[in-house]
């Protein structure tokens, strides 16, 4: 018999806010990336469970504002604001979305 074990950092309920998801899941990954580590945020689940909503947010997500913006816009905003704070030394960042 073949068995598998999977570990998850977090499994959230449908009522959790986008802000909470970012603070709990993506912010620590962003902080690690800002300190030189690679990082990924993956939304995994069945069809219709909110993966696209979590990553992209509502139709206004490209405005980078509002409570329903997704993780991508929150990550962009966070990383660029933190990079702007590091003006005392030369820092280079590469950001890619696949």
Protein backbone atom coordinates (compact mmCIF):
# COMPACT_ATOMS: atom_id res chain seq x y z
CA UNK A 1 0.00 0.00 0.00
CA UNK A 2 1.37 3.37 -1.05
CA UNK A 3 0.94 6.16 1.46
CA UNK A 4 1.90 9.81 1.23
CA UNK A 5 2.32 12.50 3.81
CA UNK A 6 1.78 16.15 3.00
CA UNK A 7 2.54 19.12 5.22
CA UNK A 8 0.89 22.51 4.85
CA UNK A 9 1.88 25.82 6.37
CA UNK A 10 -1.76 26.81 6.61
CA UNK A 11 -5.28 25.78 5.65
CA UNK A 12 -7.80 28.61 5.96
CA UNK A 13 -11.56 28.90 6.08
CA UNK A 14 -13.54 30.83 3.47
CA UNK A 15 -14.32 33.79 5.75
CA UNK A 16 -10.66 34.78 6.32
CA UNK A 17 -9.81 38.24 4.94
CA UNK A 18 -7.28 38.87 2.19
CA UNK A 19 -5.29 40.98 4.65
CA UNK A 20 -5.09 38.11 7.14
CA UNK A 21 -3.97 35.68 4.43
CA UNK A 22 -1.23 38.08 3.35
CA UNK A 23 -0.02 38.69 6.92
CA UNK A 24 -0.06 34.99 7.82
CA UNK A 25 1.20 33.42 4.59
CA UNK A 26 2.85 35.85 2.19
CA UNK A 27 4.47 38.49 4.42
CA UNK A 28 6.93 36.00 5.99
CA UNK A 29 7.88 34.77 2.50
CA UNK A 30 8.40 38.38 1.36
CA UNK A 31 10.57 39.14 4.38
CA UNK A 32 12.72 36.09 3.66
CA UNK A 33 13.04 37.16 0.01
CA UNK A 34 14.11 40.64 1.07
CA UNK A 35 16.86 38.95 3.08
CA UNK A 36 18.21 37.00 0.11
CA UNK A 37 16.21 33.77 0.16
CA UNK A 38 14.02 32.41 -2.63
CA UNK A 39 10.33 32.12 -1.89
CA UNK A 40 7.05 30.94 -3.37
CA UNK A 41 3.40 31.30 -2.46
CA UNK A 42 1.14 28.61 -3.90
CA UNK A 43 -2.64 28.42 -3.78
CA UNK A 44 -3.75 24.79 -3.94
CA UNK A 45 -7.25 23.40 -3.93
CA UNK A 46 -10.21 22.02 -5.81
CA UNK A 47 -12.01 23.92 -8.55
CA UNK A 48 -14.10 26.75 -7.14
CA UNK A 49 -12.37 26.94 -3.75
CA UNK A 50 -10.97 30.46 -4.13
CA UNK A 51 -7.44 30.07 -5.46
CA UNK A 52 -7.84 32.80 -8.10
CA UNK A 53 -9.62 35.08 -5.62
CA UNK A 54 -6.80 34.61 -3.10
CA UNK A 55 -4.05 35.33 -5.60
CA UNK A 56 -5.74 38.06 -7.68
CA UNK A 57 -8.58 39.42 -5.56
CA UNK A 58 -11.60 41.13 -7.09
CA UNK A 59 -11.71 42.86 -10.48
CA UNK A 60 -10.14 46.00 -9.02
CA UNK A 61 -6.93 44.22 -7.93
CA UNK A 62 -4.71 46.09 -10.36
CA UNK A 63 -5.41 49.35 -8.52
CA UNK A 64 -3.33 48.03 -5.59
CA UNK A 65 -5.87 49.25 -3.08
CA UNK A 66 -8.97 48.08 -1.27
CA UNK A 67 -9.68 45.25 1.14
CA UNK A 68 -10.28 42.64 -1.58
CA UNK A 69 -7.02 43.00 -3.47
CA UNK A 70 -5.22 39.69 -3.75
CA UNK A 71 -1.86 38.41 -2.62
CA UNK A 72 -0.08 39.41 -5.86
CA UNK A 73 -0.85 43.10 -5.49
CA UNK A 74 -0.09 42.98 -1.75
CA UNK A 75 3.26 41.29 -2.41
CA UNK A 76 4.15 43.86 -5.08
CA UNK A 77 3.22 46.74 -2.82
CA UNK A 78 5.11 45.27 0.14
CA UNK A 79 8.29 44.37 -1.74
CA UNK A 80 8.57 47.71 -3.54
CA UNK A 81 7.90 49.71 -0.37
CA UNK A 82 10.52 47.71 1.55
CA UNK A 83 13.03 48.08 -1.29
CA UNK A 84 12.47 51.85 -1.25
CA UNK A 85 13.27 51.89 2.49
CA UNK A 86 16.70 50.36 1.85
CA UNK A 87 18.24 53.53 0.43
CA UNK A 88 21.41 53.51 2.55
CA UNK A 89 23.04 50.75 0.54
CA UNK A 90 22.97 49.37 -2.97
CA UNK A 91 20.48 46.54 -3.22
CA UNK A 92 19.37 44.62 -6.31
CA UNK A 93 16.15 42.59 -6.50
CA UNK A 94 14.76 40.37 -9.23
CA UNK A 95 11.02 39.79 -9.16
CA UNK A 96 9.31 37.26 -11.43
CA UNK A 97 5.79 35.90 -11.66
CA UNK A 98 5.22 32.62 -13.48
